């Protein structure tokens, strides 16, 4: 029977519950256990698919087409286990299911209430599909005391009581801030957070305490005393230079050992941490560096491109170089010449996005990369803008545009209305709902033999994750290929373009999918490894 670890947060948000959960999962995996990680989000959206990246960060897409919280990206990158739609749930999704059941009459005329109906639905989600796993880690979004989070805290309290004794452990992540004027670390915020947690019936077994400096023994003793936690279970979580150092740091602080002790597990296998030590060695001792310009429209919040940034880091690990990322708002290039911004960079990456704002700036970035022979990587929207640029300036299609921006005489990029998922035909209409209506999840693609893409993958058959509702129009293929823009990847039925590449260029690739979602520090995605390798070559020319 699976054992459950519940990770809650207090004091302030954004302390890193997702990375803490992922790192603990990695440590348990390193000991030979089979681990599942899940995220319970209290917000009312059914999923984050319609939420602005500047508010919520990136939307992480799973193989089965779920739009999920970005923490699932951390889970995958640290453990290597692919997540699925049952690894993330929101209040909105729980309520949607309950309301649908009520409308069908499933409650037989009973009054539907938060307790027991909402909490029962949350517990059913937590306990489902966990056969074969040794540990299930459940992260609760937000902080203790949030009104919207109360049903989730009540549900995990009940769930812990319903499990056999010794099958649930509660970890509470808090902050011990340093007050410069007093010259002290203050434990009171953590004490109050634990008091709030205990007031709803949850006594934490382990305190994971964030701090920007070592926590003295006296402060740790005070936390143990006032929070009713064993002294050994007060684990300091200090800031680290690289997030991939977190598993090693937590292991040195004894987190995984304390978790196993809380479950009463003795003589557990020692962790094998070689993969993490080699990753950190590559990050700490690079043999060079490259400068990559990321021209996007959500650069004000770096979490909007979290998987992208990490995939670039992974590409650096593969080539043992440090990757310096220059974040550039694409709208700048609609007012200014991109040359002063892009001269001297070793690679240009234009990521995914939605809407017309900043699109001409992305087109300008693609044009600069094409003309100046700078390695270019266009992802999703970035591929579409590169194709529009080539259509205008290589194929002479002056009015080339996307129907996403409005009616156009030359719809080089257009709305997809139907496509195949396996043997089923999926259809969409322009005026339909936005949520969950894109081409989502893993789809196969066929790469052209002899293409750069096929060489990078060392295969002509691939599967990658998608999240888009507009697609390059294959009717323009012949005109563009005549100008040197090769359609090097297509859907198996030959209808949807999946990848393009410039033949007379050191490295110019656009892909319709999101390869960053499948990159891991211990298994860098081949496209990112190849892109950074090309950037290394470029740096030697500058």
Protein backbone atom coordinates (compact mmCIF):
# COMPACT_ATOMS: atom_id res chain seq x y z
CA UNK A 1 0.00 0.00 0.00
CA UNK A 2 1.29 3.45 -0.93
CA UNK A 3 2.46 5.86 1.74
CA UNK A 4 1.42 9.51 1.40
CA UNK A 5 3.46 12.66 1.91
CA UNK A 6 1.56 15.95 2.01
CA UNK A 7 3.54 19.14 1.40
CA UNK A 8 1.95 22.39 2.56
CA UNK A 9 3.23 25.95 2.61
CA UNK A 10 3.06 28.86 5.01
CA UNK A 11 4.10 32.46 5.69
CA UNK A 12 4.36 33.50 2.00
CA UNK A 13 3.84 31.92 -1.40
CA UNK A 14 6.55 31.13 -3.95
CA UNK A 15 8.86 29.50 -1.42
CA UNK A 16 9.45 26.56 -3.73
CA UNK A 17 7.04 23.82 -2.67
CA UNK A 18 7.16 22.42 -6.19
CA UNK A 19 10.94 22.12 -6.27
CA UNK A 20 10.97 20.79 -2.69
CA UNK A 21 8.42 18.13 -3.63
CA UNK A 22 10.31 17.25 -6.81
CA UNK A 23 13.65 17.07 -4.98
CA UNK A 24 12.22 14.81 -2.28
CA UNK A 25 10.71 12.61 -4.99
CA UNK A 26 14.13 12.42 -6.67
CA UNK A 27 15.77 11.41 -3.38
CA UNK A 28 13.24 8.65 -2.75
CA UNK A 29 13.70 7.44 -6.33
CA UNK A 30 17.46 7.44 -5.76
CA UNK A 31 16.82 4.97 -2.93
CA UNK A 32 14.99 2.64 -5.30
CA UNK A 33 11.40 3.56 -4.45
CA UNK A 34 8.65 4.15 -7.00
CA UNK A 35 7.25 7.64 -6.56
CA UNK A 36 4.26 9.61 -7.83
CA UNK A 37 3.89 13.39 -7.44
CA UNK A 38 0.59 15.27 -7.59
CA UNK A 39 -0.45 18.92 -7.31
CA UNK A 40 -3.71 20.11 -5.73
CA UNK A 41 -4.48 23.70 -6.75
CA UNK A 42 -7.15 25.65 -4.84
CA UNK A 43 -8.02 28.19 -7.56
CA UNK A 44 -11.41 28.07 -9.29
CA UNK A 45 -10.14 27.72 -12.86
CA UNK A 46 -10.78 24.25 -14.22
CA UNK A 47 -7.13 24.23 -15.35
CA UNK A 48 -4.49 26.92 -16.00
CA UNK A 49 -5.03 26.77 -19.78
CA UNK A 50 -6.84 30.11 -20.01
CA UNK A 51 -4.74 31.89 -17.38
CA UNK A 52 -2.24 34.59 -18.36
CA UNK A 53 1.39 33.43 -18.24
CA UNK A 54 2.27 36.74 -16.58
CA UNK A 55 0.02 35.83 -13.65
CA UNK A 56 0.40 32.11 -13.31
CA UNK A 57 3.55 31.20 -15.21
CA UNK A 58 3.77 28.63 -17.96
CA UNK A 59 1.16 25.98 -18.69
CA UNK A 60 2.82 22.57 -18.57
CA UNK A 61 1.30 20.10 -21.03
CA UNK A 62 1.37 16.36 -20.42
CA UNK A 63 1.49 13.55 -22.98
CA UNK A 64 -2.23 12.92 -22.54
CA UNK A 65 -3.09 16.53 -23.36
CA UNK A 66 -3.71 18.02 -19.92
CA UNK A 67 -2.91 21.69 -19.32
CA UNK A 68 -1.41 21.68 -15.85
CA UNK A 69 0.50 23.68 -13.26
CA UNK A 70 4.17 24.42 -13.96
CA UNK A 71 5.16 22.42 -10.87
CA UNK A 72 4.45 19.26 -12.84
CA UNK A 73 7.37 20.32 -15.00
CA UNK A 74 9.59 20.25 -11.93
CA UNK A 75 8.23 16.82 -11.04
CA UNK A 76 9.11 15.44 -14.48
CA UNK A 77 12.53 17.09 -14.66
CA UNK A 78 13.62 15.80 -11.25
CA UNK A 79 12.18 12.28 -11.41
CA UNK A 80 11.95 11.54 -15.14
CA UNK A 81 8.45 10.10 -14.66
CA UNK A 82 5.95 11.54 -17.20
CA UNK A 83 3.01 13.21 -15.50
CA UNK A 84 -0.60 12.88 -16.65
CA UNK A 85 -3.92 14.66 -16.22
CA UNK A 86 -4.58 12.82 -12.96
CA UNK A 87 -1.53 14.39 -11.35
CA UNK A 88 -3.08 17.87 -11.13
CA UNK A 89 -6.51 18.96 -9.95
CA UNK A 90 -8.09 22.33 -9.16
CA UNK A 91 -11.06 23.49 -7.13
CA UNK A 92 -12.72 24.35 -10.43
CA UNK A 93 -12.36 20.81 -11.72
CA UNK A 94 -13.62 19.32 -8.44
CA UNK A 95 -16.62 21.65 -8.38
CA UNK A 96 -17.34 21.05 -12.07
CA UNK A 97 -17.53 17.32 -11.43
CA UNK A 98 -19.72 17.77 -8.34
CA UNK A 99 -22.14 20.12 -10.10
CA UNK A 100 -22.42 17.76 -13.07
CA UNK A 101 -23.24 14.92 -10.67
CA UNK A 102 -25.79 17.06 -8.86
CA UNK A 103 -27.50 17.96 -12.14
CA UNK A 104 -27.72 14.27 -13.01
CA UNK A 105 -29.35 13.58 -9.67
CA UNK A 106 -26.52 11.43 -8.35
CA UNK A 107 -26.96 12.81 -4.82
CA UNK A 108 -30.59 11.60 -4.68
CA UNK A 109 -32.01 14.91 -3.52
CA UNK A 110 -29.47 15.46 -0.76
CA UNK A 111 -28.01 18.86 0.04
CA UNK A 112 -24.59 19.20 -1.58
CA UNK A 113 -22.04 20.67 0.84
CA UNK A 114 -18.31 21.31 1.15
CA UNK A 115 -18.19 18.60 3.82
CA UNK A 116 -18.58 15.81 2.89
CA UNK A 117 -19.09 16.17 -0.85
CA UNK A 118 -16.19 18.43 -1.83
CA UNK A 119 -13.76 16.87 0.62
CA UNK A 120 -14.82 13.38 -0.46
CA UNK A 121 -14.16 14.28 -4.10
CA UNK A 122 -10.70 15.58 -3.20
CA UNK A 123 -9.93 12.43 -1.20
CA UNK A 124 -11.12 10.25 -4.07
CA UNK A 125 -8.73 12.09 -6.38
CA UNK A 126 -5.79 11.74 -3.97
CA UNK A 127 -6.33 8.01 -3.51
CA UNK A 128 -6.99 7.08 -7.13
CA UNK A 129 -4.57 5.19 -9.37
CA UNK A 130 -1.78 4.75 -6.85
CA UNK A 131 -1.36 0.98 -7.04
CA UNK A 132 2.26 0.03 -7.53
CA UNK A 133 3.70 3.21 -6.03
CA UNK A 134 5.67 3.22 -2.79
CA UNK A 135 5.18 6.92 -2.10
CA UNK A 136 2.63 9.48 -3.30
CA UNK A 137 3.67 13.08 -2.76
CA UNK A 138 0.79 15.59 -2.78
CA UNK A 139 1.63 19.28 -2.91
CA UNK A 140 -1.11 21.70 -1.80
CA UNK A 141 -0.98 24.99 -3.69
CA UNK A 142 -1.08 28.33 -1.92
CA UNK A 143 -0.49 28.84 1.80
CA UNK A 144 -2.22 27.69 4.96
CA UNK A 145 -4.97 30.14 5.89
CA UNK A 146 -6.06 30.88 2.32
CA UNK A 147 -9.86 30.70 2.18
CA UNK A 148 -9.89 28.77 -1.09
CA UNK A 149 -7.47 26.21 0.30
CA UNK A 150 -9.54 25.19 3.33
CA UNK A 151 -11.40 22.28 1.65
CA UNK A 152 -8.05 20.80 0.57
CA UNK A 153 -6.54 21.06 4.04
CA UNK A 154 -9.65 19.48 5.54
CA UNK A 155 -9.53 16.73 2.93
CA UNK A 156 -5.90 15.81 3.61
CA UNK A 157 -6.59 15.92 7.36
CA UNK A 158 -9.40 13.40 6.90
CA UNK A 159 -7.36 11.33 4.43
CA UNK A 160 -4.45 11.05 6.85
CA UNK A 161 -6.76 9.85 9.62
CA UNK A 162 -8.36 7.26 7.37
CA UNK A 163 -5.05 5.67 6.38
CA UNK A 164 -3.44 2.98 8.52
CA UNK A 165 -1.21 4.40 11.23
CA UNK A 166 2.18 5.35 9.88
CA UNK A 167 1.05 5.81 6.28
CA UNK A 168 0.86 9.64 6.13
CA UNK A 169 3.50 12.30 6.77
CA UNK A 170 2.92 16.04 6.69
CA UNK A 171 5.73 18.41 5.65
CA UNK A 172 5.25 22.14 6.14
CA UNK A 173 7.45 24.53 4.15
CA UNK A 174 7.88 27.96 5.73
CA UNK A 175 10.15 30.99 5.73
CA UNK A 176 12.50 32.24 8.45
CA UNK A 177 13.19 35.81 7.31
CA UNK A 178 16.28 37.82 8.20
CA UNK A 179 15.50 41.31 9.54
CA UNK A 180 18.49 43.55 8.72
CA UNK A 181 17.57 46.27 11.23
CA UNK A 182 17.53 43.72 14.05
CA UNK A 183 20.34 41.61 12.67
CA UNK A 184 18.32 38.47 13.41
CA UNK A 185 16.50 35.58 11.83
CA UNK A 186 12.89 35.57 13.01
CA UNK A 187 11.04 32.33 13.75
CA UNK A 188 7.73 33.89 14.73
CA UNK A 189 6.20 33.80 11.20
CA UNK A 190 6.82 30.03 11.08
CA UNK A 191 5.39 29.58 14.57
CA UNK A 192 2.20 31.38 13.55
CA UNK A 193 1.96 29.39 10.32
CA UNK A 194 2.21 26.10 12.18
CA UNK A 195 -0.33 27.36 14.72
CA UNK A 196 -2.73 28.04 11.82
CA UNK A 197 -2.10 24.58 10.41
CA UNK A 198 -2.67 22.91 13.78
CA UNK A 199 -5.90 24.88 14.26
CA UNK A 200 -7.40 22.96 11.33
CA UNK A 201 -6.24 19.65 12.71
CA UNK A 202 -2.92 19.04 10.97
CA UNK A 203 0.26 18.62 13.00
CA UNK A 204 3.32 18.75 10.73
CA UNK A 205 5.80 15.93 11.15
CA UNK A 206 8.63 17.81 9.42
CA UNK A 207 9.39 21.51 9.06
CA UNK A 208 11.25 22.47 5.89
CA UNK A 209 12.48 25.97 6.63
CA UNK A 210 13.60 28.33 3.85
CA UNK A 211 16.28 30.86 4.63
CA UNK A 212 18.94 32.84 2.82
CA UNK A 213 21.51 32.03 5.51
CA UNK A 214 22.24 29.16 7.94
CA UNK A 215 19.74 28.88 10.79
CA UNK A 216 21.54 28.77 14.16
CA UNK A 217 20.94 25.81 16.46
CA UNK A 218 19.09 27.98 18.98
CA UNK A 219 16.53 29.11 16.40
CA UNK A 220 16.05 25.51 15.25
CA UNK A 221 15.56 24.42 18.85
CA UNK A 222 12.97 27.17 19.29
CA UNK A 223 11.08 26.02 16.17
CA UNK A 224 11.12 22.46 17.46
CA UNK A 225 9.81 23.49 20.85
CA UNK A 226 7.05 25.87 19.78
CA UNK A 227 5.94 23.92 16.70
CA UNK A 228 5.85 20.51 18.45
CA UNK A 229 8.28 18.96 15.98
CA UNK A 230 11.25 16.69 16.73
CA UNK A 231 14.56 18.65 16.66
CA UNK A 232 15.89 16.42 13.87
CA UNK A 233 12.77 17.18 11.83
CA UNK A 234 13.54 20.91 11.56
CA UNK A 235 15.29 20.87 8.19
CA UNK A 236 16.88 24.05 6.90
CA UNK A 237 16.37 24.70 3.19
CA UNK A 238 19.00 27.23 2.23
CA UNK A 239 19.18 29.11 -1.06
CA UNK A 240 21.35 27.35 -3.65
CA UNK A 241 23.00 28.54 -6.85
CA UNK A 242 21.37 25.89 -9.05
CA UNK A 243 17.99 24.24 -8.48
CA UNK A 244 19.53 20.88 -9.41
CA UNK A 245 21.63 21.16 -6.25
CA UNK A 246 18.47 20.96 -4.14
CA UNK A 247 18.32 17.12 -3.96
CA UNK A 248 21.94 16.95 -2.80
CA UNK A 249 21.45 19.80 -0.33
CA UNK A 250 18.29 18.30 1.15
CA UNK A 251 20.01 14.93 1.45
CA UNK A 252 22.90 16.52 3.37
CA UNK A 253 20.38 18.17 5.67
CA UNK A 254 18.73 14.81 6.27
CA UNK A 255 15.30 15.38 4.71
CA UNK A 256 14.91 11.98 3.05
CA UNK A 257 16.21 10.18 6.15
CA UNK A 258 13.76 12.09 8.35
CA UNK A 259 10.86 11.23 6.04
CA UNK A 260 11.71 7.54 6.17
CA UNK A 261 12.06 7.74 9.97
CA UNK A 262 8.64 9.38 10.21
CA UNK A 263 7.21 6.39 8.37
CA UNK A 264 9.10 4.01 10.62
CA UNK A 265 11.12 2.64 7.72
CA UNK A 266 14.47 1.29 8.88
CA UNK A 267 17.35 -0.07 6.81
CA UNK A 268 16.23 1.75 3.65
CA UNK A 269 18.59 1.45 0.67
CA UNK A 270 21.22 4.19 0.50
CA UNK A 271 20.52 6.75 -2.24
CA UNK A 272 22.47 6.59 -5.49
CA UNK A 273 23.08 10.25 -6.31
CA UNK A 274 25.68 9.98 -9.07
CA UNK A 275 23.42 11.60 -11.70
CA UNK A 276 22.97 14.67 -9.49
CA UNK A 277 26.65 15.05 -8.64
CA UNK A 278 27.56 14.85 -12.33
CA UNK A 279 24.91 17.46 -13.22
CA UNK A 280 26.18 19.85 -10.55
CA UNK A 281 29.77 19.26 -11.62
CA UNK A 282 28.87 20.27 -15.18
CA UNK A 283 27.05 23.39 -13.93
CA UNK A 284 29.84 24.47 -11.59
CA UNK A 285 32.73 23.77 -13.94
CA UNK A 286 31.68 24.83 -17.45
CA UNK A 287 34.27 24.84 -20.21
CA UNK A 288 32.86 27.94 -21.86
CA UNK A 289 29.72 30.04 -22.16
CA UNK A 290 27.23 31.17 -24.77
CA UNK A 291 24.79 34.06 -24.94
CA UNK A 292 21.25 33.24 -26.06
CA UNK A 293 18.67 35.93 -26.81
CA UNK A 294 15.11 34.85 -26.00
CA UNK A 295 12.74 37.19 -27.82
CA UNK A 296 9.33 36.76 -26.19
CA UNK A 297 6.29 38.63 -25.01
CA UNK A 298 6.03 37.46 -21.39
CA UNK A 299 9.60 38.19 -20.32
CA UNK A 300 8.40 40.21 -17.32
CA UNK A 301 7.78 36.91 -15.51
CA UNK A 302 10.50 34.35 -16.09
CA UNK A 303 8.21 31.52 -14.87
CA UNK A 304 6.22 32.08 -18.08
CA UNK A 305 9.11 30.32 -19.83
CA UNK A 306 10.19 28.01 -17.00
CA UNK A 307 10.56 24.79 -19.00
CA UNK A 308 12.22 26.70 -21.82
CA UNK A 309 14.85 28.18 -19.52
CA UNK A 310 15.54 24.82 -17.92
CA UNK A 311 15.85 23.15 -21.33
CA UNK A 312 18.48 25.74 -22.30
CA UNK A 313 20.33 24.90 -19.09
CA UNK A 314 20.10 21.22 -20.03
CA UNK A 315 21.55 22.05 -23.45
CA UNK A 316 24.41 23.73 -21.64
CA UNK A 317 24.95 20.64 -19.49
CA UNK A 318 25.09 18.49 -22.63
CA UNK A 319 27.83 20.74 -24.06
CA UNK A 320 29.40 21.57 -20.70
CA UNK A 321 28.96 25.32 -21.18
CA UNK A 322 27.22 28.03 -19.20
CA UNK A 323 24.15 29.43 -20.96
CA UNK A 324 23.56 33.14 -20.39
CA UNK A 325 19.99 34.06 -21.31
CA UNK A 326 19.20 37.60 -22.46
CA UNK A 327 15.45 38.17 -22.12
CA UNK A 328 14.17 40.64 -24.72
CA UNK A 329 10.59 41.89 -25.02
CA UNK A 330 9.63 41.38 -28.66
CA UNK A 331 7.71 44.66 -28.86
CA UNK A 332 11.04 46.48 -28.61
CA UNK A 333 11.87 45.38 -32.15
CA UNK A 334 8.68 46.99 -33.43
CA UNK A 335 10.14 50.36 -32.38
CA UNK A 336 13.87 49.81 -32.69
CA UNK A 337 16.39 48.14 -34.99
CA UNK A 338 17.10 44.67 -33.56
CA UNK A 339 20.76 44.82 -34.58
CA UNK A 340 22.10 46.57 -31.45
CA UNK A 341 20.27 44.02 -29.31
CA UNK A 342 21.19 40.91 -31.25
CA UNK A 343 24.69 41.61 -32.58
CA UNK A 344 27.11 39.46 -30.64
CA UNK A 345 24.62 36.88 -29.37
CA UNK A 346 25.40 33.27 -30.14
CA UNK A 347 21.83 32.13 -30.71
CA UNK A 348 18.29 33.51 -30.98
CA UNK A 349 15.25 31.69 -29.66
CA UNK A 350 11.67 32.80 -30.25
CA UNK A 351 9.29 30.86 -27.98
CA UNK A 352 5.58 30.17 -28.07
CA UNK A 353 2.90 32.78 -27.46
CA UNK A 354 -0.56 33.93 -28.40
CA UNK A 355 -1.97 37.04 -30.03
CA UNK A 356 -0.73 39.78 -32.34
CA UNK A 357 1.09 41.86 -29.73
CA UNK A 358 4.82 41.62 -30.30
CA UNK A 359 4.47 39.39 -33.36
CA UNK A 360 6.24 41.78 -35.75
CA UNK A 361 9.12 41.97 -33.30
CA UNK A 362 9.43 38.19 -33.37
CA UNK A 363 9.35 38.28 -37.18
CA UNK A 364 12.15 40.85 -37.08
CA UNK A 365 14.21 38.60 -34.79
CA UNK A 366 13.78 35.66 -37.17
CA UNK A 367 14.80 37.86 -40.09
CA UNK A 368 17.93 39.03 -38.31
CA UNK A 369 18.92 35.43 -37.55
CA UNK A 370 18.31 34.38 -41.15
CA UNK A 371 20.28 37.23 -42.72
CA UNK A 372 23.19 37.21 -40.28
CA UNK A 373 23.53 33.41 -40.08
CA UNK A 374 22.92 33.33 -36.33
CA UNK A 375 21.56 30.02 -34.96
CA UNK A 376 17.79 30.35 -34.69
CA UNK A 377 15.32 28.19 -32.79
CA UNK A 378 11.61 28.94 -33.28
CA UNK A 379 9.19 27.09 -31.04
CA UNK A 380 5.45 26.95 -31.87
CA UNK A 381 4.59 30.63 -32.45
CA UNK A 382 8.31 31.17 -33.08
CA UNK A 383 8.17 28.71 -35.97
CA UNK A 384 5.07 30.40 -37.39
CA UNK A 385 6.72 33.85 -37.29
CA UNK A 386 9.85 32.46 -38.99
CA UNK A 387 7.70 31.03 -41.79
CA UNK A 388 5.88 34.35 -42.21
CA UNK A 389 9.24 36.14 -42.38
CA UNK A 390 10.52 33.75 -45.03
CA UNK A 391 7.26 34.04 -46.97
CA UNK A 392 7.53 37.81 -47.10
CA UNK A 393 11.25 38.17 -47.73
CA UNK A 394 12.25 35.00 -49.58
CA UNK A 395 9.09 33.90 -51.39
CA UNK A 396 7.85 37.43 -52.13
CA UNK A 397 4.46 36.95 -50.45
CA UNK A 398 4.24 40.50 -49.12
CA UNK A 399 0.89 40.09 -47.36
CA UNK A 400 1.83 36.86 -45.60
CA UNK A 401 0.28 36.77 -42.16
CA UNK A 402 -1.69 34.67 -39.67
CA UNK A 403 -5.46 34.52 -39.35
CA UNK A 404 -4.84 34.75 -35.60
CA UNK A 405 -4.25 38.46 -36.22
CA UNK A 406 -7.37 38.95 -38.35
CA UNK A 407 -8.51 38.33 -41.96
CA UNK A 408 -5.64 38.14 -44.46
CA UNK A 409 -5.32 37.57 -48.19
CA UNK A 410 -2.30 35.30 -47.60
CA UNK A 411 -3.04 33.00 -44.63
CA UNK A 412 0.40 31.41 -44.36
CA UNK A 413 -0.64 30.53 -40.79
CA UNK A 414 -4.26 29.62 -40.14
CA UNK A 415 -6.68 28.18 -37.61
CA UNK A 416 -6.78 24.41 -37.47
CA UNK A 417 -10.35 23.18 -37.76
CA UNK A 418 -9.75 19.45 -37.63
CA UNK A 419 -6.96 16.96 -37.04
CA UNK A 420 -6.43 13.33 -36.18
CA UNK A 421 -5.74 12.07 -32.66
CA UNK A 422 -5.01 8.42 -33.23
CA UNK A 423 -7.97 7.18 -35.24
CA UNK A 424 -10.35 9.92 -34.08
CA UNK A 425 -11.04 13.17 -35.92
CA UNK A 426 -11.05 16.22 -33.64
CA UNK A 427 -12.84 19.38 -34.78
CA UNK A 428 -12.77 23.01 -33.61
CA UNK A 429 -14.58 26.22 -34.56
CA UNK A 430 -13.25 29.77 -34.33
CA UNK A 431 -15.98 30.96 -31.95
CA UNK A 432 -15.71 27.98 -29.59
CA UNK A 433 -14.49 27.90 -26.00
CA UNK A 434 -10.83 28.71 -25.41
CA UNK A 435 -10.21 26.27 -22.57
CA UNK A 436 -8.93 22.83 -23.54
CA UNK A 437 -9.67 23.30 -27.26
CA UNK A 438 -6.17 23.43 -28.71
CA UNK A 439 -4.18 20.61 -30.22
CA UNK A 440 -2.89 19.35 -26.90
CA UNK A 441 -0.53 16.60 -25.85
CA UNK A 442 1.76 14.15 -27.59
CA UNK A 443 1.40 13.59 -31.34
CA UNK A 444 3.68 11.66 -33.70
CA UNK A 445 5.58 13.31 -36.52
CA UNK A 446 7.58 12.03 -39.47
CA UNK A 447 10.93 13.66 -40.28
CA UNK A 448 12.36 13.92 -43.76
CA UNK A 449 15.24 11.55 -44.39
CA UNK A 450 18.52 13.39 -44.76
CA UNK A 451 17.21 16.50 -43.00
CA UNK A 452 19.04 18.23 -40.16
CA UNK A 453 16.08 17.36 -37.93
CA UNK A 454 16.37 13.63 -38.64
CA UNK A 455 20.09 13.83 -37.92
CA UNK A 456 19.53 15.56 -34.59
CA UNK A 457 16.96 13.00 -33.47
CA UNK A 458 18.79 10.12 -35.16
CA UNK A 459 15.32 8.97 -36.23
CA UNK A 460 12.59 9.79 -38.71
CA UNK A 461 9.76 9.01 -36.26
CA UNK A 462 9.24 11.18 -33.19
CA UNK A 463 6.53 12.06 -30.68
CA UNK A 464 6.35 15.51 -29.11
CA UNK A 465 3.91 17.57 -27.04
CA UNK A 466 1.78 20.27 -28.64
CA UNK A 467 -0.22 23.26 -27.46
CA UNK A 468 -1.55 25.41 -30.30
CA UNK A 469 -4.63 26.15 -32.35
CA UNK A 470 -2.97 27.74 -35.40
CA UNK A 471 -0.79 25.91 -37.90
CA UNK A 472 1.43 26.71 -40.88
CA UNK A 473 -0.61 26.29 -44.06
CA UNK A 474 0.83 23.38 -46.05
CA UNK A 475 -0.55 24.90 -49.26
CA UNK A 476 2.44 27.27 -49.25
CA UNK A 477 4.95 24.44 -48.91
CA UNK A 478 6.11 24.27 -52.55
CA UNK A 479 6.69 28.02 -52.80
CA UNK A 480 8.66 28.11 -49.57
CA UNK A 481 10.72 25.01 -50.28
CA UNK A 482 11.68 26.53 -53.63
CA UNK A 483 13.26 29.36 -51.61
CA UNK A 484 15.21 27.05 -49.32
CA UNK A 485 12.84 26.67 -46.36
CA UNK A 486 12.47 22.90 -46.09
CA UNK A 487 9.42 21.32 -44.45
CA UNK A 488 11.46 18.69 -42.62
CA UNK A 489 8.71 17.35 -40.36
CA UNK A 490 5.06 16.57 -41.07
CA UNK A 491 2.20 14.84 -39.31
CA UNK A 492 1.91 11.16 -40.35
CA UNK A 493 -0.99 12.00 -42.69
CA UNK A 494 1.12 14.68 -44.38
CA UNK A 495 -1.36 17.47 -43.59
CA UNK A 496 0.19 19.42 -40.71
CA UNK A 497 3.72 20.89 -40.83
CA UNK A 498 5.68 19.99 -37.70
CA UNK A 499 9.16 21.35 -38.46
CA UNK A 500 10.96 23.61 -40.92
CA UNK A 501 14.64 24.32 -41.49
CA UNK A 502 16.68 26.64 -43.68
CA UNK A 503 19.04 24.65 -45.87
CA UNK A 504 21.60 27.43 -46.45
CA UNK A 505 22.12 28.32 -42.80
CA UNK A 506 24.36 27.05 -39.98
CA UNK A 507 21.35 26.21 -37.75
CA UNK A 508 17.85 27.54 -38.42
CA UNK A 509 15.00 25.33 -37.17
CA UNK A 510 11.37 25.92 -36.29
CA UNK A 511 9.12 23.35 -34.66
CA UNK A 512 5.38 23.50 -34.08
CA UNK A 513 5.57 21.52 -30.85
CA UNK A 514 7.19 22.27 -27.47
CA UNK A 515 10.37 20.19 -27.09
CA UNK A 516 11.25 21.96 -23.84
CA UNK A 517 8.50 20.01 -22.07
CA UNK A 518 10.38 16.72 -22.47
CA UNK A 519 13.89 17.88 -21.60
CA UNK A 520 15.59 16.63 -18.42
CA UNK A 521 18.88 17.65 -16.78
CA UNK A 522 20.06 14.04 -17.01
CA UNK A 523 18.56 13.61 -20.52
CA UNK A 524 18.74 16.96 -22.41
CA UNK A 525 16.39 17.23 -25.35
CA UNK A 526 18.37 16.64 -28.58
CA UNK A 527 17.13 19.87 -30.18
CA UNK A 528 18.33 21.98 -27.26
CA UNK A 529 21.62 20.10 -27.09
CA UNK A 530 22.12 20.70 -30.82
CA UNK A 531 21.05 24.37 -30.62
CA UNK A 532 23.54 25.09 -27.84
CA UNK A 533 26.23 23.18 -29.76
CA UNK A 534 25.55 25.48 -32.73
CA UNK A 535 25.73 28.48 -30.41
CA UNK A 536 29.14 27.29 -29.18
CA UNK A 537 30.34 27.19 -32.79
CA UNK A 538 28.89 30.67 -33.36
CA UNK A 539 30.72 32.02 -30.30
CA UNK A 540 34.01 30.96 -31.86
CA UNK A 541 33.23 33.01 -34.96
CA UNK A 542 32.37 36.24 -33.14
